[in-house]
């Protein structure tokens, strides 16, 4: 589903509630495919989504020599 960055889940079992934060540095992620997968796993009755485009100024090239750090 995701090859880089992170997935974070916060679960509240007593309330039957879960939140998920999915972050990727990729230019594109198939949000519909992710939602279908999460609905299958968590069996949501209701779902609220918010898409935030972050990192729009992510550099296309390395600006530091990682070996020197």
PDB file of N, CA and C in Angstrom:
ATOM      1  N   UNK A   1       0.828  -1.201   0.000  1.00  0.00           N
ATOM      2  CA  UNK A   1       0.000   0.000   0.000  1.00  0.00           C
ATOM      3  C   UNK A   1       0.866   1.256   0.000  1.00  0.00           C
ATOM      4  N   UNK A   2       1.934   1.271   0.805  1.00  0.00           N
ATOM      5  CA  UNK A   2       2.787   2.448   0.891  1.00  0.00           C
ATOM      6  C   UNK A   2       4.239   1.990   1.017  1.00  0.00           C
ATOM      7  N   UNK A   3       5.119   2.569   0.242  1.00  0.00           N
ATOM      8  CA  UNK A   3       6.502   2.119   0.205  1.00  0.00           C
ATOM      9  C   UNK A   3       7.446   3.008   1.002  1.00  0.00           C
ATOM     10  N   UNK A   4       6.981   4.152   1.425  1.00  0.00           N
ATOM     11  CA  UNK A   4       7.845   5.069   2.153  1.00  0.00           C
ATOM     12  C   UNK A   4       7.012   5.930   3.087  1.00  0.00           C
ATOM     13  N   UNK A   5       7.682   6.649   3.959  1.00  0.00           N
ATOM     14  CA  UNK A   5       7.046   7.544   4.915  1.00  0.00           C
ATOM     15  C   UNK A   5       6.379   6.766   6.033  1.00  0.00           C
ATOM     16  N   UNK A   6       5.135   7.089   6.425  1.00  0.00           N
ATOM     17  CA  UNK A   6       4.591   6.391   7.592  1.00  0.00           C
ATOM     18  C   UNK A   6       3.076   6.259   7.594  1.00  0.00           C
ATOM     19  N   UNK A   7       2.641   5.293   8.382  1.00  0.00           N
ATOM     20  CA  UNK A   7       1.225   5.085   8.690  1.00  0.00           C
ATOM     21  C   UNK A   7       1.111   5.151  10.205  1.00  0.00           C
ATOM     22  N   UNK A   8       0.108   5.807  10.711  1.00  0.00           N
ATOM     23  CA  UNK A   8      -0.091   5.910  12.153  1.00  0.00           C
ATOM     24  C   UNK A   8      -1.564   5.687  12.452  1.00  0.00           C
ATOM     25  N   UNK A   9      -1.851   4.769  13.381  1.00  0.00           N
ATOM     26  CA  UNK A   9      -3.230   4.470  13.763  1.00  0.00           C
ATOM     27  C   UNK A   9      -3.415   4.749  15.238  1.00  0.00           C
ATOM     28  N   UNK A  10      -4.509   5.388  15.580  1.00  0.00           N
ATOM     29  CA  UNK A  10      -4.880   5.639  16.970  1.00  0.00           C
ATOM     30  C   UNK A  10      -6.225   4.944  17.177  1.00  0.00           C
ATOM     31  N   UNK A  11      -6.244   3.970  18.062  1.00  0.00           N
ATOM     32  CA  UNK A  11      -7.460   3.185  18.251  1.00  0.00           C
ATOM     33  C   UNK A  11      -8.076   3.439  19.618  1.00  0.00           C
ATOM     34  N   UNK A  12      -9.387   3.423  19.646  1.00  0.00           N
ATOM     35  CA  UNK A  12     -10.172   3.612  20.859  1.00  0.00           C
ATOM     36  C   UNK A  12     -11.206   2.493  20.898  1.00  0.00           C
ATOM     37  N   UNK A  13     -10.783   1.266  21.270  1.00  0.00           N
ATOM     38  CA  UNK A  13     -11.651   0.092  21.174  1.00  0.00           C
ATOM     39  C   UNK A  13     -12.970   0.216  21.934  1.00  0.00           C
ATOM     40  N   UNK A  14     -12.952   0.814  23.113  1.00  0.00           N
ATOM     41  CA  UNK A  14     -14.182   0.922  23.908  1.00  0.00           C
ATOM     42  C   UNK A  14     -15.233   1.791  23.211  1.00  0.00           C
ATOM     43  N   UNK A  15     -14.769   2.648  22.324  1.00  0.00           N
ATOM     44  CA  UNK A  15     -15.688   3.534  21.601  1.00  0.00           C
ATOM     45  C   UNK A  15     -15.892   3.098  20.152  1.00  0.00           C
ATOM     46  N   UNK A  16     -15.184   2.052  19.731  1.00  0.00           N
ATOM     47  CA  UNK A  16     -15.302   1.603  18.348  1.00  0.00           C
ATOM     48  C   UNK A  16     -14.833   2.667  17.372  1.00  0.00           C
ATOM     49  N   UNK A  17     -13.703   3.317  17.692  1.00  0.00           N
ATOM     50  CA  UNK A  17     -13.245   4.470  16.929  1.00  0.00           C
ATOM     51  C   UNK A  17     -11.764   4.309  16.591  1.00  0.00           C
ATOM     52  N   UNK A  18     -11.399   4.682  15.399  1.00  0.00           N
ATOM     53  CA  UNK A  18      -9.999   4.651  14.983  1.00  0.00           C
ATOM     54  C   UNK A  18      -9.713   5.870  14.101  1.00  0.00           C
ATOM     55  N   UNK A  19      -8.521   6.429  14.249  1.00  0.00           N
ATOM     56  CA  UNK A  19      -8.066   7.469  13.324  1.00  0.00           C
ATOM     57  C   UNK A  19      -6.787   6.963  12.672  1.00  0.00           C
ATOM     58  N   UNK A  20      -6.569   7.360  11.445  1.00  0.00           N
ATOM     59  CA  UNK A  20      -5.378   6.944  10.707  1.00  0.00           C
ATOM     60  C   UNK A  20      -4.747   8.171  10.064  1.00  0.00           C
ATOM     61  N   UNK A  21      -3.435   8.255  10.184  1.00  0.00           N
ATOM     62  CA  UNK A  21      -2.667   9.306   9.519  1.00  0.00           C
ATOM     63  C   UNK A  21      -1.746   8.598   8.545  1.00  0.00           C
ATOM     64  N   UNK A  22      -1.871   8.919   7.284  1.00  0.00           N
ATOM     65  CA  UNK A  22      -1.062   8.285   6.247  1.00  0.00           C
ATOM     66  C   UNK A  22      -0.286   9.390   5.551  1.00  0.00           C
ATOM     67  N   UNK A  23       1.036   9.317   5.673  1.00  0.00           N
ATOM     68  CA  UNK A  23       1.886  10.349   5.092  1.00  0.00           C
ATOM     69  C   UNK A  23       2.825   9.716   4.077  1.00  0.00           C
ATOM     70  N   UNK A  24       2.930  10.314   2.927  1.00  0.00           N
ATOM     71  CA  UNK A  24       3.883   9.846   1.925  1.00  0.00           C
ATOM     72  C   UNK A  24       4.542  11.039   1.245  1.00  0.00           C
ATOM     73  N   UNK A  25       5.793  10.853   0.862  1.00  0.00           N
ATOM     74  CA  UNK A  25       6.522  11.892   0.123  1.00  0.00           C
ATOM     75  C   UNK A  25       6.265  11.783  -1.373  1.00  0.00           C
ATOM     76  N   UNK A  26       5.571  10.734  -1.771  1.00  0.00           N
ATOM     77  CA  UNK A  26       5.305  10.545  -3.191  1.00  0.00           C
ATOM     78  C   UNK A  26       4.409  11.657  -3.720  1.00  0.00           C
ATOM     79  N   UNK A  27       4.529  11.898  -4.993  1.00  0.00           N
ATOM     80  CA  UNK A  27       3.689  12.896  -5.648  1.00  0.00           C
ATOM     81  C   UNK A  27       2.232  12.455  -5.669  1.00  0.00           C
ATOM     82  N   UNK A  28       2.011  11.127  -5.728  1.00  0.00           N
ATOM     83  CA  UNK A  28       0.646  10.631  -5.875  1.00  0.00           C
ATOM     84  C   UNK A  28       0.469   9.354  -5.061  1.00  0.00           C
ATOM     85  N   UNK A  29      -0.656   9.244  -4.413  1.00  0.00           N
ATOM     86  CA  UNK A  29      -1.045   8.011  -3.742  1.00  0.00           C
ATOM     87  C   UNK A  29      -2.520   7.784  -4.085  1.00  0.00           C
ATOM     88  N   UNK A  30      -2.856   6.566  -4.357  1.00  0.00           N
ATOM     89  CA  UNK A  30      -4.233   6.241  -4.720  1.00  0.00           C
ATOM     90  C   UNK A  30      -5.082   6.219  -3.444  1.00  0.00           C
ATOM     91  N   UNK A  31      -5.631   7.367  -3.087  1.00  0.00           N
ATOM     92  CA  UNK A  31      -6.385   7.492  -1.834  1.00  0.00           C
ATOM     93  C   UNK A  31      -7.622   6.606  -1.823  1.00  0.00           C
ATOM     94  N   UNK A  32      -8.227   6.388  -2.969  1.00  0.00           N
ATOM     95  CA  UNK A  32      -9.397   5.500  -3.016  1.00  0.00           C
ATOM     96  C   UNK A  32      -9.008   4.065  -2.686  1.00  0.00           C
ATOM     97  N   UNK A  33      -7.878   3.595  -3.196  1.00  0.00           N
ATOM     98  CA  UNK A  33      -7.408   2.240  -2.903  1.00  0.00           C
ATOM     99  C   UNK A  33      -7.078   2.094  -1.422  1.00  0.00           C
ATOM    100  N   UNK A  34      -6.469   3.120  -0.845  1.00  0.00           N
ATOM    101  CA  UNK A  34      -6.147   3.091   0.583  1.00  0.00           C
ATOM    102  C   UNK A  34      -7.430   3.017   1.401  1.00  0.00           C
ATOM    103  N   UNK A  35      -8.410   3.820   1.057  1.00  0.00           N
ATOM    104  CA  UNK A  35      -9.678   3.834   1.783  1.00  0.00           C
ATOM    105  C   UNK A  35     -10.406   2.491   1.681  1.00  0.00           C
ATOM    106  N   UNK A  36     -10.404   1.899   0.505  1.00  0.00           N
ATOM    107  CA  UNK A  36     -11.027   0.584   0.321  1.00  0.00           C
ATOM    108  C   UNK A  36     -10.349  -0.442   1.232  1.00  0.00           C
ATOM    109  N   UNK A  37      -9.027  -0.419   1.268  1.00  0.00           N
ATOM    110  CA  UNK A  37      -8.267  -1.361   2.109  1.00  0.00           C
ATOM    111  C   UNK A  37      -8.586  -1.155   3.592  1.00  0.00           C
ATOM    112  N   UNK A  38      -8.586   0.096   4.034  1.00  0.00           N
ATOM    113  CA  UNK A  38      -8.865   0.379   5.450  1.00  0.00           C
ATOM    114  C   UNK A  38     -10.302   0.013   5.819  1.00  0.00           C
ATOM    115  N   UNK A  39     -11.239   0.268   4.933  1.00  0.00           N
ATOM    116  CA  UNK A  39     -12.634  -0.127   5.201  1.00  0.00           C
ATOM    117  C   UNK A  39     -12.743  -1.640   5.350  1.00  0.00           C
ATOM    118  N   UNK A  40     -11.988  -2.383   4.539  1.00  0.00           N
ATOM    119  CA  UNK A  40     -12.004  -3.835   4.624  1.00  0.00           C
ATOM    120  C   UNK A  40     -11.421  -4.344   5.930  1.00  0.00           C
ATOM    121  N   UNK A  41     -10.385  -3.693   6.409  1.00  0.00           N
ATOM    122  CA  UNK A  41      -9.725  -4.116   7.650  1.00  0.00           C
ATOM    123  C   UNK A  41     -10.535  -3.722   8.880  1.00  0.00           C
ATOM    124  N   UNK A  42     -10.982  -2.472   8.935  1.00  0.00           N
ATOM    125  CA  UNK A  42     -11.641  -1.955  10.137  1.00  0.00           C
ATOM    126  C   UNK A  42     -13.166  -2.072  10.124  1.00  0.00           C
ATOM    127  N   UNK A  43     -13.755  -2.416   8.988  1.00  0.00           N
ATOM    128  CA  UNK A  43     -15.216  -2.572   8.885  1.00  0.00           C
ATOM    129  C   UNK A  43     -15.955  -1.309   9.350  1.00  0.00           C
ATOM    130  N   UNK A  44     -15.529  -0.172   8.819  1.00  0.00           N
ATOM    131  CA  UNK A  44     -16.146   1.113   9.187  1.00  0.00           C
ATOM    132  C   UNK A  44     -17.642   1.131   8.887  1.00  0.00           C
ATOM    133  N   UNK A  45     -18.419   1.683   9.789  1.00  0.00           N
ATOM    134  CA  UNK A  45     -19.820   1.972   9.500  1.00  0.00           C
ATOM    135  C   UNK A  45     -19.931   3.378   8.918  1.00  0.00           C
ATOM    136  N   UNK A  46     -19.102   4.262   9.415  1.00  0.00           N
ATOM    137  CA  UNK A  46     -19.027   5.639   8.914  1.00  0.00           C
ATOM    138  C   UNK A  46     -17.560   5.982   8.732  1.00  0.00           C
ATOM    139  N   UNK A  47     -17.291   6.869   7.804  1.00  0.00           N
ATOM    140  CA  UNK A  47     -15.908   7.243   7.529  1.00  0.00           C
ATOM    141  C   UNK A  47     -15.837   8.721   7.167  1.00  0.00           C
ATOM    142  N   UNK A  48     -14.903   9.406   7.763  1.00  0.00           N
ATOM    143  CA  UNK A  48     -14.658  10.819   7.469  1.00  0.00           C
ATOM    144  C   UNK A  48     -13.220  10.939   6.993  1.00  0.00           C
ATOM    145  N   UNK A  49     -12.994  11.594   5.876  1.00  0.00           N
ATOM    146  CA  UNK A  49     -11.632  11.721   5.358  1.00  0.00           C
ATOM    147  C   UNK A  49     -11.269  13.182   5.142  1.00  0.00           C
ATOM    148  N   UNK A  50      -9.985  13.442   5.305  1.00  0.00           N
ATOM    149  CA  UNK A  50      -9.428  14.772   5.038  1.00  0.00           C
ATOM    150  C   UNK A  50      -8.113  14.561   4.310  1.00  0.00           C
ATOM    151  N   UNK A  51      -7.975  15.132   3.144  1.00  0.00           N
ATOM    152  CA  UNK A  51      -6.742  15.034   2.371  1.00  0.00           C
ATOM    153  C   UNK A  51      -6.021  16.369   2.472  1.00  0.00           C
ATOM    154  N   UNK A  52      -4.795  16.311   2.979  1.00  0.00           N
ATOM    155  CA  UNK A  52      -3.975  17.509   3.114  1.00  0.00           C
ATOM    156  C   UNK A  52      -2.736  17.315   2.260  1.00  0.00           C
ATOM    157  N   UNK A  53      -2.538  18.190   1.301  1.00  0.00           N
ATOM    158  CA  UNK A  53      -1.346  18.104   0.455  1.00  0.00           C
ATOM    159  C   UNK A  53      -0.199  18.803   1.200  1.00  0.00           C
ATOM    160  N   UNK A  54       0.745  17.965   1.650  1.00  0.00           N
ATOM    161  CA  UNK A  54       1.894  18.498   2.381  1.00  0.00           C
ATOM    162  C   UNK A  54       3.152  18.296   1.552  1.00  0.00           C
ATOM    163  N   UNK A  55       4.192  19.017   1.906  1.00  0.00           N
ATOM    164  CA  UNK A  55       5.478  18.826   1.254  1.00  0.00           C
ATOM    165  C   UNK A  55       5.498  19.221  -0.209  1.00  0.00           C
ATOM    166  N   UNK A  56       4.692  20.203  -0.569  1.00  0.00           N
ATOM    167  CA  UNK A  56       4.634  20.595  -1.981  1.00  0.00           C
ATOM    168  C   UNK A  56       5.940  21.189  -2.483  1.00  0.00           C
ATOM    169  N   UNK A  57       6.800  21.609  -1.562  1.00  0.00           N
ATOM    170  CA  UNK A  57       8.098  22.167  -1.949  1.00  0.00           C
ATOM    171  C   UNK A  57       9.234  21.187  -1.694  1.00  0.00           C
ATOM    172  N   UNK A  58       8.914  19.890  -1.637  1.00  0.00           N
ATOM    173  CA  UNK A  58       9.916  18.854  -1.407  1.00  0.00           C
ATOM    174  C   UNK A  58      10.970  18.918  -2.504  1.00  0.00           C
ATOM    175  N   UNK A  59      12.257  19.009  -2.132  1.00  0.00           N
ATOM    176  CA  UNK A  59      13.314  19.128  -3.142  1.00  0.00           C
ATOM    177  C   UNK A  59      13.368  17.918  -4.062  1.00  0.00           C
ATOM    178  N   UNK A  60      13.686  18.152  -5.314  1.00  0.00           N
ATOM    179  CA  UNK A  60      13.797  17.064  -6.276  1.00  0.00           C
ATOM    180  C   UNK A  60      15.181  16.418  -6.249  1.00  0.00           C
ATOM    181  N   UNK A  61      16.150  17.087  -5.613  1.00  0.00           N
ATOM    182  CA  UNK A  61      17.506  16.564  -5.521  1.00  0.00           C
ATOM    183  C   UNK A  61      18.033  16.746  -4.106  1.00  0.00           C
ATOM    184  N   UNK A  62      19.004  15.901  -3.717  1.00  0.00           N
ATOM    185  CA  UNK A  62      19.649  16.062  -2.413  1.00  0.00           C
ATOM    186  C   UNK A  62      20.425  17.364  -2.402  1.00  0.00           C
ATOM    187  N   UNK A  63      20.374  18.084  -1.295  1.00  0.00           N
ATOM    188  CA  UNK A  63      21.111  19.340  -1.187  1.00  0.00           C
ATOM    189  C   UNK A  63      22.287  19.224  -0.213  1.00  0.00           C
ATOM    190  N   UNK A  64      22.387  18.092   0.497  1.00  0.00           N
ATOM    191  CA  UNK A  64      23.488  17.848   1.427  1.00  0.00           C
ATOM    192  C   UNK A  64      24.134  16.520   1.097  1.00  0.00           C
ATOM    193  N   UNK A  65      25.433  16.452   1.379  1.00  0.00           N
ATOM    194  CA  UNK A  65      26.158  15.201   1.253  1.00  0.00           C
ATOM    195  C   UNK A  65      25.911  14.432   2.539  1.00  0.00           C
ATOM    196  N   UNK A  66      25.100  13.391   2.475  1.00  0.00           N
ATOM    197  CA  UNK A  66      24.683  12.642   3.654  1.00  0.00           C
ATOM    198  C   UNK A  66      25.897  12.012   4.348  1.00  0.00           C
ATOM    199  N   UNK A  67      26.899  11.612   3.607  1.00  0.00           N
ATOM    200  CA  UNK A  67      28.088  10.999   4.200  1.00  0.00           C
ATOM    201  C   UNK A  67      28.837  11.987   5.093  1.00  0.00           C
ATOM    202  N   UNK A  68      28.758  13.277   4.776  1.00  0.00           N
ATOM    203  CA  UNK A  68      29.457  14.289   5.554  1.00  0.00           C
ATOM    204  C   UNK A  68      28.728  14.600   6.859  1.00  0.00           C
ATOM    205  N   UNK A  69      27.448  14.267   6.934  1.00  0.00           N
ATOM    206  CA  UNK A  69      26.687  14.567   8.150  1.00  0.00           C
ATOM    207  C   UNK A  69      26.978  13.495   9.133  1.00  0.00           C
TER     208      UNK A  69
END
